[in-house]
């Protein structure tokens, strides 16, 4: 949970994105530099799972 300056969320919010008025936005929270760095690290970790799989398939002569 992240603290926000909104009285509707006294315990903060769990950061997530949503579509509002046709635009993708953060819901009730604005990430800071550290949040974006953590998010980038998690995305890299996730993408590496697939990169490793692709490299293994290429090395074994298989194609997708």
PDB file of N, CA and C in Angstrom:
ATOM      1  N   UNK A   1       0.837  -1.178   0.000  1.00  0.00           N
ATOM      2  CA  UNK A   1       0.000   0.000   0.000  1.00  0.00           C
ATOM      3  C   UNK A   1       0.886   1.248   0.000  1.00  0.00           C
ATOM      4  N   UNK A   2       0.463   2.212  -0.753  1.00  0.00           N
ATOM      5  CA  UNK A   2       1.196   3.481  -0.847  1.00  0.00           C
ATOM      6  C   UNK A   2       0.307   4.607  -0.316  1.00  0.00           C
ATOM      7  N   UNK A   3       0.888   5.508   0.462  1.00  0.00           N
ATOM      8  CA  UNK A   3       0.090   6.633   0.984  1.00  0.00           C
ATOM      9  C   UNK A   3      -0.274   7.609  -0.133  1.00  0.00           C
ATOM     10  N   UNK A   4      -1.461   8.178  -0.018  1.00  0.00           N
ATOM     11  CA  UNK A   4      -1.923   9.186  -0.983  1.00  0.00           C
ATOM     12  C   UNK A   4      -2.557  10.347  -0.230  1.00  0.00           C
ATOM     13  N   UNK A   5      -2.618  11.481  -0.886  1.00  0.00           N
ATOM     14  CA  UNK A   5      -3.246  12.670  -0.291  1.00  0.00           C
ATOM     15  C   UNK A   5      -4.717  12.730  -0.695  1.00  0.00           C
ATOM     16  N   UNK A   6      -5.429  11.709  -0.360  1.00  0.00           N
ATOM     17  CA  UNK A   6      -6.839  11.630  -0.706  1.00  0.00           C
ATOM     18  C   UNK A   6      -7.564  11.026   0.495  1.00  0.00           C
ATOM     19  N   UNK A   7      -8.457  11.795   1.093  1.00  0.00           N
ATOM     20  CA  UNK A   7      -9.182  11.352   2.275  1.00  0.00           C
ATOM     21  C   UNK A   7     -10.012  10.100   2.074  1.00  0.00           C
ATOM     22  N   UNK A   8     -10.291   9.748   0.816  1.00  0.00           N
ATOM     23  CA  UNK A   8     -11.060   8.535   0.544  1.00  0.00           C
ATOM     24  C   UNK A   8     -10.244   7.269   0.762  1.00  0.00           C
ATOM     25  N   UNK A   9      -8.923   7.412   0.899  1.00  0.00           N
ATOM     26  CA  UNK A   9      -8.042   6.271   1.049  1.00  0.00           C
ATOM     27  C   UNK A   9      -7.131   6.464   2.270  1.00  0.00           C
ATOM     28  N   UNK A  10      -7.693   6.396   3.479  1.00  0.00           N
ATOM     29  CA  UNK A  10      -6.885   6.656   4.673  1.00  0.00           C
ATOM     30  C   UNK A  10      -5.748   5.656   4.873  1.00  0.00           C
ATOM     31  N   UNK A  11      -5.891   4.456   4.336  1.00  0.00           N
ATOM     32  CA  UNK A  11      -4.845   3.432   4.453  1.00  0.00           C
ATOM     33  C   UNK A  11      -3.955   3.370   3.220  1.00  0.00           C
ATOM     34  N   UNK A  12      -4.125   4.311   2.303  1.00  0.00           N
ATOM     35  CA  UNK A  12      -3.358   4.318   1.061  1.00  0.00           C
ATOM     36  C   UNK A  12      -4.018   3.457   0.002  1.00  0.00           C
ATOM     37  N   UNK A  13      -3.317   3.260  -1.105  1.00  0.00           N
ATOM     38  CA  UNK A  13      -3.836   2.445  -2.206  1.00  0.00           C
ATOM     39  C   UNK A  13      -2.761   1.480  -2.679  1.00  0.00           C
ATOM     40  N   UNK A  14      -3.224   0.425  -3.298  1.00  0.00           N
ATOM     41  CA  UNK A  14      -2.321  -0.503  -3.970  1.00  0.00           C
ATOM     42  C   UNK A  14      -2.165   0.025  -5.397  1.00  0.00           C
ATOM     43  N   UNK A  15      -0.976   0.505  -5.769  1.00  0.00           N
ATOM     44  CA  UNK A  15      -0.813   1.142  -7.079  1.00  0.00           C
ATOM     45  C   UNK A  15      -1.223   0.222  -8.231  1.00  0.00           C
ATOM     46  N   UNK A  16      -2.027   0.766  -9.103  1.00  0.00           N
ATOM     47  CA  UNK A  16      -2.415   0.063 -10.323  1.00  0.00           C
ATOM     48  C   UNK A  16      -2.880   1.090 -11.348  1.00  0.00           C
ATOM     49  N   UNK A  17      -2.952   0.648 -12.576  1.00  0.00           N
ATOM     50  CA  UNK A  17      -3.390   1.526 -13.660  1.00  0.00           C
ATOM     51  C   UNK A  17      -4.812   1.164 -14.042  1.00  0.00           C
ATOM     52  N   UNK A  18      -5.506   2.133 -14.595  1.00  0.00           N
ATOM     53  CA  UNK A  18      -6.857   1.912 -15.079  1.00  0.00           C
ATOM     54  C   UNK A  18      -7.111   2.822 -16.260  1.00  0.00           C
ATOM     55  N   UNK A  19      -8.158   2.551 -16.971  1.00  0.00           N
ATOM     56  CA  UNK A  19      -8.542   3.411 -18.095  1.00  0.00           C
ATOM     57  C   UNK A  19      -9.660   4.320 -17.609  1.00  0.00           C
ATOM     58  N   UNK A  20      -9.409   5.622 -17.680  1.00  0.00           N
ATOM     59  CA  UNK A  20     -10.375   6.626 -17.247  1.00  0.00           C
ATOM     60  C   UNK A  20     -10.540   7.635 -18.367  1.00  0.00           C
ATOM     61  N   UNK A  21     -11.770   7.821 -18.808  1.00  0.00           N
ATOM     62  CA  UNK A  21     -12.068   8.721 -19.930  1.00  0.00           C
ATOM     63  C   UNK A  21     -11.227   8.379 -21.152  1.00  0.00           C
ATOM     64  N   UNK A  22     -11.035   7.089 -21.395  1.00  0.00           N
ATOM     65  CA  UNK A  22     -10.311   6.645 -22.582  1.00  0.00           C
ATOM     66  C   UNK A  22      -8.799   6.750 -22.476  1.00  0.00           C
ATOM     67  N   UNK A  23      -8.283   7.099 -21.286  1.00  0.00           N
ATOM     68  CA  UNK A  23      -6.833   7.238 -21.102  1.00  0.00           C
ATOM     69  C   UNK A  23      -6.348   6.297 -20.016  1.00  0.00           C
ATOM     70  N   UNK A  24      -5.187   5.702 -20.221  1.00  0.00           N
ATOM     71  CA  UNK A  24      -4.565   4.848 -19.229  1.00  0.00           C
ATOM     72  C   UNK A  24      -3.877   5.739 -18.203  1.00  0.00           C
ATOM     73  N   UNK A  25      -4.245   5.588 -16.916  1.00  0.00           N
ATOM     74  CA  UNK A  25      -3.705   6.432 -15.855  1.00  0.00           C
ATOM     75  C   UNK A  25      -3.452   5.611 -14.599  1.00  0.00           C
ATOM     76  N   UNK A  26      -2.619   6.138 -13.714  1.00  0.00           N
ATOM     77  CA  UNK A  26      -2.441   5.538 -12.401  1.00  0.00           C
ATOM     78  C   UNK A  26      -3.663   5.904 -11.574  1.00  0.00           C
ATOM     79  N   UNK A  27      -4.151   4.939 -10.787  1.00  0.00           N
ATOM     80  CA  UNK A  27      -5.332   5.169  -9.952  1.00  0.00           C
ATOM     81  C   UNK A  27      -4.925   5.723  -8.594  1.00  0.00           C
ATOM     82  N   UNK A  28      -5.239   6.980  -8.327  1.00  0.00           N
ATOM     83  CA  UNK A  28      -5.081   7.655  -7.042  1.00  0.00           C
ATOM     84  C   UNK A  28      -3.650   7.701  -6.517  1.00  0.00           C
ATOM     85  N   UNK A  29      -2.673   7.380  -7.340  1.00  0.00           N
ATOM     86  CA  UNK A  29      -1.291   7.397  -6.878  1.00  0.00           C
ATOM     87  C   UNK A  29      -0.398   7.815  -8.033  1.00  0.00           C
ATOM     88  N   UNK A  30       0.613   8.618  -7.747  1.00  0.00           N
ATOM     89  CA  UNK A  30       1.583   9.003  -8.754  1.00  0.00           C
ATOM     90  C   UNK A  30       2.928   8.400  -8.362  1.00  0.00           C
ATOM     91  N   UNK A  31       3.422   7.438  -9.141  1.00  0.00           N
ATOM     92  CA  UNK A  31       4.697   6.799  -8.814  1.00  0.00           C
ATOM     93  C   UNK A  31       5.851   7.803  -8.816  1.00  0.00           C
ATOM     94  N   UNK A  32       6.825   7.549  -7.948  1.00  0.00           N
ATOM     95  CA  UNK A  32       8.015   8.391  -7.917  1.00  0.00           C
ATOM     96  C   UNK A  32       9.159   7.670  -8.642  1.00  0.00           C
ATOM     97  N   UNK A  33      10.319   8.270  -8.656  1.00  0.00           N
ATOM     98  CA  UNK A  33      11.463   7.699  -9.376  1.00  0.00           C
ATOM     99  C   UNK A  33      11.806   6.296  -8.870  1.00  0.00           C
ATOM    100  N   UNK A  34      11.787   6.113  -7.553  1.00  0.00           N
ATOM    101  CA  UNK A  34      12.097   4.793  -6.984  1.00  0.00           C
ATOM    102  C   UNK A  34      11.062   3.756  -7.390  1.00  0.00           C
ATOM    103  N   UNK A  35       9.778   4.152  -7.452  1.00  0.00           N
ATOM    104  CA  UNK A  35       8.725   3.232  -7.889  1.00  0.00           C
ATOM    105  C   UNK A  35       8.958   2.784  -9.335  1.00  0.00           C
ATOM    106  N   UNK A  36       9.306   3.748 -10.191  1.00  0.00           N
ATOM    107  CA  UNK A  36       9.558   3.409 -11.594  1.00  0.00           C
ATOM    108  C   UNK A  36      10.778   2.507 -11.737  1.00  0.00           C
ATOM    109  N   UNK A  37      11.802   2.722 -10.932  1.00  0.00           N
ATOM    110  CA  UNK A  37      12.993   1.866 -10.980  1.00  0.00           C
ATOM    111  C   UNK A  37      12.637   0.449 -10.564  1.00  0.00           C
ATOM    112  N   UNK A  38      11.842   0.311  -9.507  1.00  0.00           N
ATOM    113  CA  UNK A  38      11.417  -1.019  -9.047  1.00  0.00           C
ATOM    114  C   UNK A  38      10.559  -1.703 -10.115  1.00  0.00           C
ATOM    115  N   UNK A  39       9.655  -0.954 -10.719  1.00  0.00           N
ATOM    116  CA  UNK A  39       8.807  -1.492 -11.772  1.00  0.00           C
ATOM    117  C   UNK A  39       9.646  -1.948 -12.968  1.00  0.00           C
ATOM    118  N   UNK A  40      10.624  -1.151 -13.357  1.00  0.00           N
ATOM    119  CA  UNK A  40      11.499  -1.518 -14.477  1.00  0.00           C
ATOM    120  C   UNK A  40      12.266  -2.799 -14.171  1.00  0.00           C
ATOM    121  N   UNK A  41      12.740  -2.944 -12.928  1.00  0.00           N
ATOM    122  CA  UNK A  41      13.447  -4.170 -12.537  1.00  0.00           C
ATOM    123  C   UNK A  41      12.539  -5.383 -12.639  1.00  0.00           C
ATOM    124  N   UNK A  42      11.300  -5.247 -12.189  1.00  0.00           N
ATOM    125  CA  UNK A  42      10.361  -6.379 -12.230  1.00  0.00           C
ATOM    126  C   UNK A  42      10.012  -6.744 -13.675  1.00  0.00           C
ATOM    127  N   UNK A  43       9.861  -5.746 -14.522  1.00  0.00           N
ATOM    128  CA  UNK A  43       9.554  -6.011 -15.937  1.00  0.00           C
ATOM    129  C   UNK A  43      10.728  -6.729 -16.587  1.00  0.00           C
ATOM    130  N   UNK A  44      11.947  -6.298 -16.286  1.00  0.00           N
ATOM    131  CA  UNK A  44      13.143  -6.946 -16.826  1.00  0.00           C
ATOM    132  C   UNK A  44      13.214  -8.402 -16.373  1.00  0.00           C
ATOM    133  N   UNK A  45      12.967  -8.643 -15.078  1.00  0.00           N
ATOM    134  CA  UNK A  45      12.975 -10.013 -14.558  1.00  0.00           C
ATOM    135  C   UNK A  45      11.966 -10.879 -15.300  1.00  0.00           C
ATOM    136  N   UNK A  46      10.777 -10.350 -15.523  1.00  0.00           N
ATOM    137  CA  UNK A  46       9.727 -11.087 -16.216  1.00  0.00           C
ATOM    138  C   UNK A  46      10.123 -11.369 -17.666  1.00  0.00           C
ATOM    139  N   UNK A  47      10.639 -10.358 -18.350  1.00  0.00           N
ATOM    140  CA  UNK A  47      11.023 -10.526 -19.755  1.00  0.00           C
ATOM    141  C   UNK A  47      12.159 -11.528 -19.904  1.00  0.00           C
ATOM    142  N   UNK A  48      13.064 -11.581 -18.929  1.00  0.00           N
ATOM    143  CA  UNK A  48      14.195 -12.508 -19.006  1.00  0.00           C
ATOM    144  C   UNK A  48      13.743 -13.959 -18.983  1.00  0.00           C
ATOM    145  N   UNK A  49      12.624 -14.246 -18.368  1.00  0.00           N
ATOM    146  CA  UNK A  49      12.093 -15.610 -18.367  1.00  0.00           C
ATOM    147  C   UNK A  49      11.865 -16.072 -19.801  1.00  0.00           C
ATOM    148  N   UNK A  50      11.303 -15.206 -20.619  1.00  0.00           N
ATOM    149  CA  UNK A  50      11.016 -15.556 -22.004  1.00  0.00           C
ATOM    150  C   UNK A  50      12.266 -15.509 -22.866  1.00  0.00           C
ATOM    151  N   UNK A  51      13.182 -14.599 -22.569  1.00  0.00           N
ATOM    152  CA  UNK A  51      14.425 -14.527 -23.324  1.00  0.00           C
ATOM    153  C   UNK A  51      15.212 -15.817 -23.134  1.00  0.00           C
ATOM    154  N   UNK A  52      15.313 -16.298 -21.909  1.00  0.00           N
ATOM    155  CA  UNK A  52      16.029 -17.538 -21.637  1.00  0.00           C
ATOM    156  C   UNK A  52      15.397 -18.700 -22.393  1.00  0.00           C
ATOM    157  N   UNK A  53      14.072 -18.746 -22.446  1.00  0.00           N
ATOM    158  CA  UNK A  53      13.376 -19.813 -23.150  1.00  0.00           C
ATOM    159  C   UNK A  53      13.670 -19.740 -24.646  1.00  0.00           C
ATOM    160  N   UNK A  54      13.626 -18.542 -25.213  1.00  0.00           N
ATOM    161  CA  UNK A  54      13.917 -18.363 -26.635  1.00  0.00           C
ATOM    162  C   UNK A  54      15.350 -18.770 -26.959  1.00  0.00           C
ATOM    163  N   UNK A  55      16.289 -18.378 -26.106  1.00  0.00           N
ATOM    164  CA  UNK A  55      17.700 -18.723 -26.341  1.00  0.00           C
ATOM    165  C   UNK A  55      17.890 -20.235 -26.281  1.00  0.00           C
ATOM    166  N   UNK A  56      17.212 -20.896 -25.358  1.00  0.00           N
ATOM    167  CA  UNK A  56      17.323 -22.349 -25.233  1.00  0.00           C
ATOM    168  C   UNK A  56      16.780 -23.025 -26.485  1.00  0.00           C
ATOM    169  N   UNK A  57      15.649 -22.524 -26.983  1.00  0.00           N
ATOM    170  CA  UNK A  57      15.050 -23.123 -28.170  1.00  0.00           C
ATOM    171  C   UNK A  57      15.951 -22.902 -29.383  1.00  0.00           C
ATOM    172  N   UNK A  58      16.557 -21.726 -29.500  1.00  0.00           N
ATOM    173  CA  UNK A  58      17.449 -21.453 -30.640  1.00  0.00           C
ATOM    174  C   UNK A  58      18.662 -22.369 -30.579  1.00  0.00           C
ATOM    175  N   UNK A  59      19.203 -22.553 -29.397  1.00  0.00           N
ATOM    176  CA  UNK A  59      20.404 -23.381 -29.258  1.00  0.00           C
ATOM    177  C   UNK A  59      20.113 -24.848 -29.545  1.00  0.00           C
ATOM    178  N   UNK A  60      18.877 -25.293 -29.302  1.00  0.00           N
ATOM    179  CA  UNK A  60      18.525 -26.681 -29.535  1.00  0.00           C
ATOM    180  C   UNK A  60      18.028 -26.917 -30.962  1.00  0.00           C
ATOM    181  N   UNK A  61      17.971 -25.831 -31.771  1.00  0.00           N
ATOM    182  CA  UNK A  61      17.558 -25.959 -33.165  1.00  0.00           C
ATOM    183  C   UNK A  61      16.061 -25.927 -33.353  1.00  0.00           C
ATOM    184  N   UNK A  62      15.320 -25.647 -32.297  1.00  0.00           N
ATOM    185  CA  UNK A  62      13.864 -25.580 -32.413  1.00  0.00           C
ATOM    186  C   UNK A  62      13.460 -24.157 -32.777  1.00  0.00           C
ATOM    187  N   UNK A  63      12.338 -24.012 -33.407  1.00  0.00           N
ATOM    188  CA  UNK A  63      11.825 -22.680 -33.697  1.00  0.00           C
ATOM    189  C   UNK A  63      10.390 -22.606 -33.210  1.00  0.00           C
ATOM    190  N   UNK A  64       9.951 -21.377 -32.939  1.00  0.00           N
ATOM    191  CA  UNK A  64       8.590 -21.185 -32.421  1.00  0.00           C
ATOM    192  C   UNK A  64       7.638 -20.888 -33.537  1.00  0.00           C
TER     193      UNK A  64
END
